[in-house]
Amino acid sequence: MGVPMSYECFDVEIADNIAHVKLNRPEKRNAMNPAFWREFPEIIGDIDNNARARVIVISSTGPHFSAGLDLSMFSGGDETPRESLDKNQRAVSSYNHILHMQKSFNCLEACRMPVLVAIQGGAFGGGVDLATACDIRYATEDAFLVIQEINIALTADVGTFPRLVKLIPEGIVRELAYTGRAMPAAEAKEAGLVNRVFADQAAMLDGVMDIAREIASKAPVAVYGSKRMINYARDHSTEDALDYISIWNTSMMNSEEILEAINAKGEKRPGEFVDLPRRRGA
């Protein structure tokens, strides 16, 4: 990433076109404090805007992926104390606070490269929000996911429901949401929420990095286009999605890249593809 950057909640390593972003507050079970919500979109935005990698892997440290929202967030963190605001101001402040957290994970879908997440132990509340915003999910055998908000008299509001109902059957989402029970990794795989379950975290990281290297070996513009088309198809009609891919490929398809991919495969060598450009203004 050029000059190393220091973060309170994360370690970031970039090598071989793979950006590895690690939650790194294991002593706090990687609870999401105010610094988390500032740093996470900054990190993802920097990788994406400056095309520092071709794929992003998110993992964690310690026994649990994330305990979810840090309790300090309920008091507004480092914002103006709620007690000093009147009723209407508190409502607007709360609304803006939720939008801020939602935006912190929306960056994963807006990111031009695929994002893979590796989950060990528990993913509670915000951990589920994070995982569902990623492109692909993997887990260890001891992993589990909990829509924790119902257990503390809240309704999940950072992104779980809009995304989860598009990933697994609605009836399962409702059961998890209403009961607050843990969904173990085996059940998550059976439901299609995670792609693969590994024996332990070391095996999971090895396997996920292998998948990331395979993705990184493909033409970045074509991978970016695939992500855009999948997201668009998920949210639009088949007719609209077909029209959009036609327009996209008309403007984006590169015959030189296609020929390079064919030749590289025939010659049994890695392809040499152009990287994504930096975003304007980055």
C-alpha atoms as a PDB file:
ATOM      1  CA  MET A   1       0.000   0.000   0.000  1.00  0.00           C
ATOM      2  CA  GLY A   2       2.990   2.304  -0.377  1.00  0.00           C
ATOM      3  CA  VAL A   3       3.592   4.015   2.974  1.00  0.00           C
ATOM      4  CA  PRO A   4       2.359   1.617   5.697  1.00  0.00           C
ATOM      5  CA  MET A   5      -0.810   2.854   7.381  1.00  0.00           C
ATOM      6  CA  SER A   6      -1.610   2.254  11.038  1.00  0.00           C
ATOM      7  CA  TYR A   7      -5.112   1.249  12.087  1.00  0.00           C
ATOM      8  CA  GLU A   8      -6.638   0.670  15.497  1.00  0.00           C
ATOM      9  CA  CYS A   9      -8.903  -2.192  14.451  1.00  0.00           C
ATOM     10  CA  PHE A  10      -7.233  -3.777  11.418  1.00  0.00           C
ATOM     11  CA  ASP A  11      -4.062  -5.191   9.944  1.00  0.00           C
ATOM     12  CA  VAL A  12      -3.759  -4.795   6.164  1.00  0.00           C
ATOM     13  CA  GLU A  13      -1.373  -6.797   3.968  1.00  0.00           C
ATOM     14  CA  ILE A  14      -1.196  -6.590   0.178  1.00  0.00           C
ATOM     15  CA  ALA A  15       0.806  -9.115  -1.834  1.00  0.00           C
ATOM     16  CA  ASP A  16       0.417 -10.894  -5.169  1.00  0.00           C
ATOM     17  CA  ASN A  17      -2.620  -8.744  -6.059  1.00  0.00           C
ATOM     18  CA  ILE A  18      -4.490  -9.901  -2.931  1.00  0.00           C
ATOM     19  CA  ALA A  19      -5.399  -7.473  -0.145  1.00  0.00           C
ATOM     20  CA  HIS A  20      -5.797  -9.244   3.193  1.00  0.00           C
ATOM     21  CA  VAL A  21      -7.766  -7.158   5.697  1.00  0.00           C
ATOM     22  CA  LYS A  22      -7.757  -8.639   9.216  1.00  0.00           C
ATOM     23  CA  LEU A  23      -9.943  -7.557  12.120  1.00  0.00           C
ATOM     24  CA  ASN A  24      -7.399  -7.221  14.896  1.00  0.00           C
ATOM     25  CA  ARG A  25      -8.962  -6.571  18.288  1.00  0.00           C
ATOM     26  CA  PRO A  26      -9.142 -10.172  19.549  1.00  0.00           C
ATOM     27  CA  GLU A  27      -9.061  -9.089  23.180  1.00  0.00           C
ATOM     28  CA  LYS A  28     -12.406  -7.345  22.510  1.00  0.00           C
ATOM     29  CA  ARG A  29     -13.706 -10.197  20.333  1.00  0.00           C
ATOM     30  CA  ASN A  30     -13.317  -7.747  17.441  1.00  0.00           C
ATOM     31  CA  ALA A  31     -16.276  -5.690  18.582  1.00  0.00           C
ATOM     32  CA  MET A  32     -17.038  -2.833  16.213  1.00  0.00           C
ATOM     33  CA  ASN A  33     -16.167   0.404  18.016  1.00  0.00           C
ATOM     34  CA  PRO A  34     -16.332   3.935  16.515  1.00  0.00           C
ATOM     35  CA  ALA A  35     -12.827   3.556  15.033  1.00  0.00           C
ATOM     36  CA  PHE A  36     -13.956   0.399  13.207  1.00  0.00           C
ATOM     37  CA  TRP A  37     -16.684   2.262  11.350  1.00  0.00           C
ATOM     38  CA  ARG A  38     -14.259   5.019  10.293  1.00  0.00           C
ATOM     39  CA  GLU A  39     -11.377   2.765   9.324  1.00  0.00           C
ATOM     40  CA  PHE A  40     -13.171  -0.002   7.440  1.00  0.00           C
ATOM     41  CA  PRO A  41     -14.597   2.056   4.536  1.00  0.00           C
ATOM     42  CA  GLU A  42     -11.326   4.013   4.410  1.00  0.00           C
ATOM     43  CA  ILE A  43      -9.352   0.787   3.917  1.00  0.00           C
ATOM     44  CA  ILE A  44     -11.714  -0.712   1.352  1.00  0.00           C
ATOM     45  CA  GLY A  45     -11.985   2.609  -0.481  1.00  0.00           C
ATOM     46  CA  ASP A  46      -8.209   2.990  -0.648  1.00  0.00           C
ATOM     47  CA  ILE A  47      -7.731  -0.506  -2.065  1.00  0.00           C
ATOM     48  CA  ASP A  48     -10.518  -0.022  -4.600  1.00  0.00           C
ATOM     49  CA  ASN A  49      -9.940   3.593  -5.619  1.00  0.00           C
ATOM     50  CA  ASN A  50      -6.210   3.089  -6.100  1.00  0.00           C
ATOM     51  CA  ALA A  51      -6.542  -0.398  -7.629  1.00  0.00           C
ATOM     52  CA  ARG A  52      -4.079  -1.781  -5.083  1.00  0.00           C
ATOM     53  CA  ALA A  53      -5.297  -5.378  -5.508  1.00  0.00           C
ATOM     54  CA  ARG A  54      -7.464  -7.612  -7.668  1.00  0.00           C
ATOM     55  CA  VAL A  55      -9.294  -9.354  -4.823  1.00  0.00           C
ATOM     56  CA  ILE A  56      -9.874  -8.645  -1.123  1.00  0.00           C
ATOM     57  CA  VAL A  57      -9.896 -11.250   1.651  1.00  0.00           C
ATOM     58  CA  ILE A  58     -11.371 -10.318   5.037  1.00  0.00           C
ATOM     59  CA  SER A  59     -10.525 -12.471   8.037  1.00  0.00           C
ATOM     60  CA  SER A  60     -10.283 -12.059  11.783  1.00  0.00           C
ATOM     61  CA  THR A  61      -8.202 -12.923  14.832  1.00  0.00           C
ATOM     62  CA  GLY A  62      -8.865 -14.663  18.118  1.00  0.00           C
ATOM     63  CA  PRO A  63     -11.634 -17.171  18.906  1.00  0.00           C
ATOM     64  CA  HIS A  64     -14.452 -15.165  17.298  1.00  0.00           C
ATOM     65  CA  PHE A  65     -14.881 -13.352  13.998  1.00  0.00           C
ATOM     66  CA  SER A  66     -16.733 -10.433  15.613  1.00  0.00           C
ATOM     67  CA  ALA A  67     -18.912  -9.799  18.653  1.00  0.00           C
ATOM     68  CA  GLY A  68     -20.748  -7.175  16.598  1.00  0.00           C
ATOM     69  CA  LEU A  69     -21.466  -3.647  17.732  1.00  0.00           C
ATOM     70  CA  ASP A  70     -19.279  -2.389  20.554  1.00  0.00           C
ATOM     71  CA  LEU A  71     -21.383  -1.245  23.517  1.00  0.00           C
ATOM     72  CA  SER A  72     -19.766   2.204  23.295  1.00  0.00           C
ATOM     73  CA  MET A  73     -21.720   2.761  20.082  1.00  0.00           C
ATOM     74  CA  PHE A  74     -25.008   2.806  22.006  1.00  0.00           C
ATOM     75  CA  SER A  75     -23.936   6.026  23.685  1.00  0.00           C
ATOM     76  CA  GLY A  76     -23.027   7.567  20.345  1.00  0.00           C
ATOM     77  CA  GLY A  77     -19.318   6.821  20.716  1.00  0.00           C
ATOM     78  CA  ASP A  78     -17.366  10.032  20.257  1.00  0.00           C
ATOM     79  CA  GLU A  79     -20.344  11.984  18.926  1.00  0.00           C
ATOM     80  CA  THR A  80     -22.392  14.622  20.761  1.00  0.00           C
ATOM     81  CA  PRO A  81     -23.902  13.001  23.905  1.00  0.00           C
ATOM     82  CA  ARG A  82     -27.547  12.097  23.265  1.00  0.00           C
ATOM     83  CA  GLU A  83     -28.537  13.576  26.622  1.00  0.00           C
ATOM     84  CA  SER A  84     -27.695  17.062  25.322  1.00  0.00           C
ATOM     85  CA  LEU A  85     -30.131  16.740  22.388  1.00  0.00           C
ATOM     86  CA  ASP A  86     -33.888  17.191  22.380  1.00  0.00           C
ATOM     87  CA  LYS A  87     -36.229  14.421  21.174  1.00  0.00           C
ATOM     88  CA  ASN A  88     -36.260  15.455  17.505  1.00  0.00           C
ATOM     89  CA  GLN A  89     -32.504  15.950  17.429  1.00  0.00           C
ATOM     90  CA  ARG A  90     -31.975  12.524  18.968  1.00  0.00           C
ATOM     91  CA  ALA A  91     -34.134  10.924  16.283  1.00  0.00           C
ATOM     92  CA  VAL A  92     -32.240  12.620  13.450  1.00  0.00           C
ATOM     93  CA  SER A  93     -28.910  11.851  15.105  1.00  0.00           C
ATOM     94  CA  SER A  94     -29.849   8.182  15.440  1.00  0.00           C
ATOM     95  CA  TYR A  95     -30.990   8.043  11.806  1.00  0.00           C
ATOM     96  CA  ASN A  96     -27.713   9.563  10.592  1.00  0.00           C
ATOM     97  CA  HIS A  97     -25.764   7.196  12.845  1.00  0.00           C
ATOM     98  CA  ILE A  98     -27.434   4.144  11.294  1.00  0.00           C
ATOM     99  CA  LEU A  99     -26.854   5.466   7.760  1.00  0.00           C
ATOM    100  CA  HIS A 100     -23.175   5.962   8.625  1.00  0.00           C
ATOM    101  CA  MET A 101     -22.842   2.322   9.682  1.00  0.00           C
ATOM    102  CA  GLN A 102     -24.774   1.076   6.645  1.00  0.00           C
ATOM    103  CA  LYS A 103     -22.489   3.069   4.349  1.00  0.00           C
ATOM    104  CA  SER A 104     -19.456   1.470   5.981  1.00  0.00           C
ATOM    105  CA  PHE A 105     -20.526  -1.925   4.615  1.00  0.00           C
ATOM    106  CA  ASN A 106     -22.118  -0.694   1.374  1.00  0.00           C
ATOM    107  CA  CYS A 107     -18.551  -0.052   0.215  1.00  0.00           C
ATOM    108  CA  LEU A 108     -18.092  -3.813  -0.147  1.00  0.00           C
ATOM    109  CA  GLU A 109     -20.763  -4.053  -2.834  1.00  0.00           C
ATOM    110  CA  ALA A 110     -19.568  -0.836  -4.508  1.00  0.00           C
ATOM    111  CA  CYS A 111     -15.980  -2.107  -4.542  1.00  0.00           C
ATOM    112  CA  ARG A 112     -14.864  -3.132  -8.028  1.00  0.00           C
ATOM    113  CA  MET A 113     -13.042  -6.283  -6.941  1.00  0.00           C
ATOM    114  CA  PRO A 114     -14.515  -9.407  -5.300  1.00  0.00           C
ATOM    115  CA  VAL A 115     -14.479  -9.577  -1.505  1.00  0.00           C
ATOM    116  CA  LEU A 116     -14.113 -12.955   0.211  1.00  0.00           C
ATOM    117  CA  VAL A 117     -14.716 -13.330   3.943  1.00  0.00           C
ATOM    118  CA  ALA A 118     -13.348 -16.084   6.202  1.00  0.00           C
ATOM    119  CA  ILE A 119     -15.368 -16.597   9.394  1.00  0.00           C
ATOM    120  CA  GLN A 120     -14.097 -18.386  12.498  1.00  0.00           C
ATOM    121  CA  GLY A 121     -15.999 -18.748  15.754  1.00  0.00           C
ATOM    122  CA  GLY A 122     -18.958 -16.469  16.222  1.00  0.00           C
ATOM    123  CA  ALA A 123     -20.218 -13.742  13.900  1.00  0.00           C
ATOM    124  CA  PHE A 124     -22.712 -11.771  15.967  1.00  0.00           C
ATOM    125  CA  GLY A 125     -24.922  -8.885  14.822  1.00  0.00           C
ATOM    126  CA  GLY A 126     -22.642  -6.545  12.875  1.00  0.00           C
ATOM    127  CA  GLY A 127     -20.468  -9.538  12.005  1.00  0.00           C
ATOM    128  CA  VAL A 128     -23.420 -10.944  10.065  1.00  0.00           C
ATOM    129  CA  ASP A 129     -23.956  -7.533   8.426  1.00  0.00           C
ATOM    130  CA  LEU A 130     -20.331  -7.545   7.280  1.00  0.00           C
ATOM    131  CA  ALA A 131     -20.395 -11.140   6.050  1.00  0.00           C
ATOM    132  CA  THR A 132     -23.590 -10.754   4.028  1.00  0.00           C
ATOM    133  CA  ALA A 133     -22.180  -7.666   2.256  1.00  0.00           C
ATOM    134  CA  CYS A 134     -19.217  -9.684   0.927  1.00  0.00           C
ATOM    135  CA  ASP A 135     -19.227 -11.554  -2.376  1.00  0.00           C
ATOM    136  CA  ILE A 136     -18.405 -15.006  -0.993  1.00  0.00           C
ATOM    137  CA  ARG A 137     -18.402 -16.460   2.523  1.00  0.00           C
ATOM    138  CA  TYR A 138     -16.319 -19.296   3.999  1.00  0.00           C
ATOM    139  CA  ALA A 139     -16.342 -20.687   7.523  1.00  0.00           C
ATOM    140  CA  THR A 140     -14.636 -23.024   9.958  1.00  0.00           C
ATOM    141  CA  GLU A 141     -16.464 -26.020  11.383  1.00  0.00           C
ATOM    142  CA  ASP A 142     -16.883 -24.243  14.720  1.00  0.00           C
ATOM    143  CA  ALA A 143     -18.214 -21.039  13.164  1.00  0.00           C
ATOM    144  CA  PHE A 144     -21.740 -19.780  13.716  1.00  0.00           C
ATOM    145  CA  LEU A 145     -23.788 -16.690  12.863  1.00  0.00           C
ATOM    146  CA  VAL A 146     -26.276 -14.942  15.143  1.00  0.00           C
ATOM    147  CA  ILE A 147     -28.710 -12.131  14.352  1.00  0.00           C
ATOM    148  CA  GLN A 148     -27.896 -10.815  17.792  1.00  0.00           C
ATOM    149  CA  GLU A 149     -30.017  -7.676  17.698  1.00  0.00           C
ATOM    150  CA  ILE A 150     -33.252  -9.430  18.681  1.00  0.00           C
ATOM    151  CA  ASN A 151     -31.519 -10.725  21.822  1.00  0.00           C
ATOM    152  CA  ILE A 152     -30.957  -7.164  23.029  1.00  0.00           C
ATOM    153  CA  ALA A 153     -34.409  -5.849  22.004  1.00  0.00           C
ATOM    154  CA  LEU A 154     -33.290  -4.305  18.703  1.00  0.00           C
ATOM    155  CA  THR A 155     -34.184  -4.802  15.050  1.00  0.00           C
ATOM    156  CA  ALA A 156     -31.144  -5.434  12.850  1.00  0.00           C
ATOM    157  CA  ASP A 157     -30.628  -2.279  10.801  1.00  0.00           C
ATOM    158  CA  VAL A 158     -27.139  -2.232   9.257  1.00  0.00           C
ATOM    159  CA  GLY A 159     -27.833  -4.556   6.330  1.00  0.00           C
ATOM    160  CA  THR A 160     -28.623  -8.094   7.487  1.00  0.00           C
ATOM    161  CA  PHE A 161     -32.223  -8.314   6.279  1.00  0.00           C
ATOM    162  CA  PRO A 162     -31.991  -6.683   2.817  1.00  0.00           C
ATOM    163  CA  ARG A 163     -29.037  -8.923   1.967  1.00  0.00           C
ATOM    164  CA  LEU A 164     -29.823 -12.128   3.830  1.00  0.00           C
ATOM    165  CA  VAL A 165     -33.254 -12.574   2.200  1.00  0.00           C
ATOM    166  CA  LYS A 166     -31.458 -12.617  -1.164  1.00  0.00           C
ATOM    167  CA  LEU A 167     -28.981 -15.256  -0.009  1.00  0.00           C
ATOM    168  CA  ILE A 168     -31.080 -17.882   1.812  1.00  0.00           C
ATOM    169  CA  PRO A 169     -34.774 -18.862   2.032  1.00  0.00           C
ATOM    170  CA  GLU A 170     -37.014 -16.295   3.683  1.00  0.00           C
ATOM    171  CA  GLY A 171     -38.367 -18.757   6.228  1.00  0.00           C
ATOM    172  CA  ILE A 172     -34.867 -19.419   7.558  1.00  0.00           C
ATOM    173  CA  VAL A 173     -34.178 -15.678   7.759  1.00  0.00           C
ATOM    174  CA  ARG A 174     -37.367 -15.175   9.742  1.00  0.00           C
ATOM    175  CA  GLU A 175     -36.534 -17.963  12.181  1.00  0.00           C
ATOM    176  CA  LEU A 176     -33.040 -16.596  12.789  1.00  0.00           C
ATOM    177  CA  ALA A 177     -34.365 -13.041  13.119  1.00  0.00           C
ATOM    178  CA  TYR A 178     -37.216 -13.853  15.497  1.00  0.00           C
ATOM    179  CA  THR A 179     -35.375 -16.335  17.746  1.00  0.00           C
ATOM    180  CA  GLY A 180     -31.829 -14.973  17.786  1.00  0.00           C
ATOM    181  CA  ARG A 181     -30.508 -18.535  17.700  1.00  0.00           C
ATOM    182  CA  ALA A 182     -27.087 -19.440  16.353  1.00  0.00           C
ATOM    183  CA  MET A 183     -26.807 -20.845  12.836  1.00  0.00           C
ATOM    184  CA  PRO A 184     -23.856 -23.276  12.815  1.00  0.00           C
ATOM    185  CA  ALA A 185     -21.518 -23.470   9.843  1.00  0.00           C
ATOM    186  CA  ALA A 186     -22.907 -26.788   8.585  1.00  0.00           C
ATOM    187  CA  GLU A 187     -26.424 -25.361   8.448  1.00  0.00           C
ATOM    188  CA  ALA A 188     -25.143 -22.164   6.824  1.00  0.00           C
ATOM    189  CA  LYS A 189     -23.486 -24.228   4.097  1.00  0.00           C
ATOM    190  CA  GLU A 190     -26.609 -26.321   3.570  1.00  0.00           C
ATOM    191  CA  ALA A 191     -28.655 -23.130   3.196  1.00  0.00           C
ATOM    192  CA  GLY A 192     -26.136 -21.672   0.739  1.00  0.00           C
ATOM    193  CA  LEU A 193     -24.967 -18.844   2.991  1.00  0.00           C
ATOM    194  CA  VAL A 194     -21.368 -20.080   3.030  1.00  0.00           C
ATOM    195  CA  ASN A 195     -19.645 -21.776   0.108  1.00  0.00           C
ATOM    196  CA  ARG A 196     -17.331 -24.089   1.993  1.00  0.00           C
ATOM    197  CA  VAL A 197     -16.585 -25.212   5.550  1.00  0.00           C
ATOM    198  CA  PHE A 198     -13.019 -25.925   6.677  1.00  0.00           C
ATOM    199  CA  ALA A 199     -11.682 -27.917   9.627  1.00  0.00           C
ATOM    200  CA  ASP A 200      -9.982 -24.941  11.269  1.00  0.00           C
ATOM    201  CA  GLN A 201      -8.880 -21.372  10.632  1.00  0.00           C
ATOM    202  CA  ALA A 202      -5.448 -22.279   9.238  1.00  0.00           C
ATOM    203  CA  ALA A 203      -7.009 -24.622   6.675  1.00  0.00           C
ATOM    204  CA  MET A 204      -9.667 -22.020   5.875  1.00  0.00           C
ATOM    205  CA  LEU A 205      -7.141 -19.255   5.238  1.00  0.00           C
ATOM    206  CA  ASP A 206      -5.063 -21.563   3.031  1.00  0.00           C
ATOM    207  CA  GLY A 207      -8.146 -22.525   1.039  1.00  0.00           C
ATOM    208  CA  VAL A 208      -9.522 -18.994   0.753  1.00  0.00           C
ATOM    209  CA  MET A 209      -6.136 -17.635  -0.350  1.00  0.00           C
ATOM    210  CA  ASP A 210      -6.003 -20.323  -3.050  1.00  0.00           C
ATOM    211  CA  ILE A 211      -9.388 -19.154  -4.317  1.00  0.00           C
ATOM    212  CA  ALA A 212      -8.255 -15.526  -4.112  1.00  0.00           C
ATOM    213  CA  ARG A 213      -5.138 -16.327  -6.164  1.00  0.00           C
ATOM    214  CA  GLU A 214      -7.322 -17.993  -8.797  1.00  0.00           C
ATOM    215  CA  ILE A 215      -9.534 -14.901  -8.995  1.00  0.00           C
ATOM    216  CA  ALA A 216      -6.481 -12.613  -9.115  1.00  0.00           C
ATOM    217  CA  SER A 217      -5.172 -14.541 -12.124  1.00  0.00           C
ATOM    218  CA  LYS A 218      -8.197 -13.548 -14.238  1.00  0.00           C
ATOM    219  CA  ALA A 219      -8.594 -10.357 -16.254  1.00  0.00           C
ATOM    220  CA  PRO A 220      -9.492  -7.666 -13.657  1.00  0.00           C
ATOM    221  CA  VAL A 221     -11.860  -5.746 -15.945  1.00  0.00           C
ATOM    222  CA  ALA A 222     -13.771  -8.950 -16.736  1.00  0.00           C
ATOM    223  CA  VAL A 223     -13.980  -9.823 -13.034  1.00  0.00           C
ATOM    224  CA  TYR A 224     -15.217  -6.306 -12.280  1.00  0.00           C
ATOM    225  CA  GLY A 225     -17.831  -6.660 -15.005  1.00  0.00           C
ATOM    226  CA  SER A 226     -18.945 -10.014 -13.610  1.00  0.00           C
ATOM    227  CA  LYS A 227     -19.429  -8.505 -10.141  1.00  0.00           C
ATOM    228  CA  ARG A 228     -21.402  -5.587 -11.570  1.00  0.00           C
ATOM    229  CA  MET A 229     -23.612  -7.898 -13.622  1.00  0.00           C
ATOM    230  CA  ILE A 230     -24.292 -10.288 -10.725  1.00  0.00           C
ATOM    231  CA  ASN A 231     -25.253  -7.411  -8.411  1.00  0.00           C
ATOM    232  CA  TYR A 232     -27.403  -5.827 -11.112  1.00  0.00           C
ATOM    233  CA  ALA A 233     -29.137  -9.108 -11.984  1.00  0.00           C
ATOM    234  CA  ARG A 234     -29.902  -9.718  -8.305  1.00  0.00           C
ATOM    235  CA  ASP A 235     -31.703  -6.364  -8.022  1.00  0.00           C
ATOM    236  CA  HIS A 236     -33.409  -6.115 -11.455  1.00  0.00           C
ATOM    237  CA  SER A 237     -35.575  -8.092 -13.828  1.00  0.00           C
ATOM    238  CA  THR A 238     -34.071 -10.601 -16.249  1.00  0.00           C
ATOM    239  CA  GLU A 239     -34.986  -8.347 -19.177  1.00  0.00           C
ATOM    240  CA  ASP A 240     -33.240  -5.343 -17.644  1.00  0.00           C
ATOM    241  CA  ALA A 241     -30.197  -7.391 -16.708  1.00  0.00           C
ATOM    242  CA  LEU A 242     -29.850  -8.793 -20.226  1.00  0.00           C
ATOM    243  CA  ASP A 243     -30.029  -5.310 -21.680  1.00  0.00           C
ATOM    244  CA  TYR A 244     -27.443  -3.997 -19.220  1.00  0.00           C
ATOM    245  CA  ILE A 245     -24.915  -6.753 -19.947  1.00  0.00           C
ATOM    246  CA  SER A 246     -25.315  -6.067 -23.667  1.00  0.00           C
ATOM    247  CA  ILE A 247     -24.526  -2.387 -23.137  1.00  0.00           C
ATOM    248  CA  TRP A 248     -21.680  -3.219 -20.745  1.00  0.00           C
ATOM    249  CA  ASN A 249     -19.930  -5.634 -23.091  1.00  0.00           C
ATOM    250  CA  THR A 250     -20.438  -3.341 -26.054  1.00  0.00           C
ATOM    251  CA  SER A 251     -18.362  -0.716 -24.277  1.00  0.00           C
ATOM    252  CA  MET A 252     -16.045  -2.852 -22.109  1.00  0.00           C
ATOM    253  CA  MET A 253     -15.212  -5.999 -24.081  1.00  0.00           C
ATOM    254  CA  ASN A 254     -11.523  -6.055 -25.084  1.00  0.00           C
ATOM    255  CA  SER A 255     -10.515  -8.416 -27.899  1.00  0.00           C
ATOM    256  CA  GLU A 256      -6.838  -8.167 -26.913  1.00  0.00           C
ATOM    257  CA  GLU A 257      -7.607  -9.375 -23.394  1.00  0.00           C
ATOM    258  CA  ILE A 258      -9.714 -12.233 -24.770  1.00  0.00           C
ATOM    259  CA  LEU A 259      -6.908 -13.293 -27.115  1.00  0.00           C
ATOM    260  CA  GLU A 260      -4.367 -13.092 -24.273  1.00  0.00           C
ATOM    261  CA  ALA A 261      -6.569 -15.300 -22.073  1.00  0.00           C
ATOM    262  CA  ILE A 262      -6.907 -17.889 -24.859  1.00  0.00           C
ATOM    263  CA  ASN A 263      -3.179 -17.861 -25.643  1.00  0.00           C
ATOM    264  CA  ALA A 264      -2.170 -18.045 -21.981  1.00  0.00           C
ATOM    265  CA  LYS A 265      -4.386 -21.078 -21.453  1.00  0.00           C
ATOM    266  CA  GLY A 266      -3.016 -22.788 -24.552  1.00  0.00           C
ATOM    267  CA  GLU A 267       0.560 -22.044 -23.556  1.00  0.00           C
ATOM    268  CA  LYS A 268      -0.077 -23.059 -19.929  1.00  0.00           C
ATOM    269  CA  ARG A 269       1.167 -19.753 -18.509  1.00  0.00           C
ATOM    270  CA  PRO A 270      -0.343 -16.952 -16.421  1.00  0.00           C
ATOM    271  CA  GLY A 271      -2.211 -14.351 -18.415  1.00  0.00           C
ATOM    272  CA  GLU A 272      -0.883 -10.810 -18.609  1.00  0.00           C
ATOM    273  CA  PHE A 273      -3.861  -8.518 -18.142  1.00  0.00           C
ATOM    274  CA  VAL A 274      -4.294  -4.801 -17.558  1.00  0.00           C
ATOM    275  CA  ASP A 275      -5.224  -3.738 -14.033  1.00  0.00           C
ATOM    276  CA  LEU A 276      -8.223  -1.618 -13.182  1.00  0.00           C
ATOM    277  CA  PRO A 277      -7.491   2.096 -13.431  1.00  0.00           C
ATOM    278  CA  ARG A 278      -7.507   4.294 -10.367  1.00  0.00           C
ATOM    279  CA  ARG A 279     -10.849   5.939  -9.782  1.00  0.00           C
ATOM    280  CA  ARG A 280     -10.912   9.589 -10.791  1.00  0.00           C
ATOM    281  CA  GLY A 281     -10.098  11.799  -7.846  1.00  0.00           C
ATOM    282  CA  ALA A 282      -8.536   8.965  -5.835  1.00  0.00           C
END
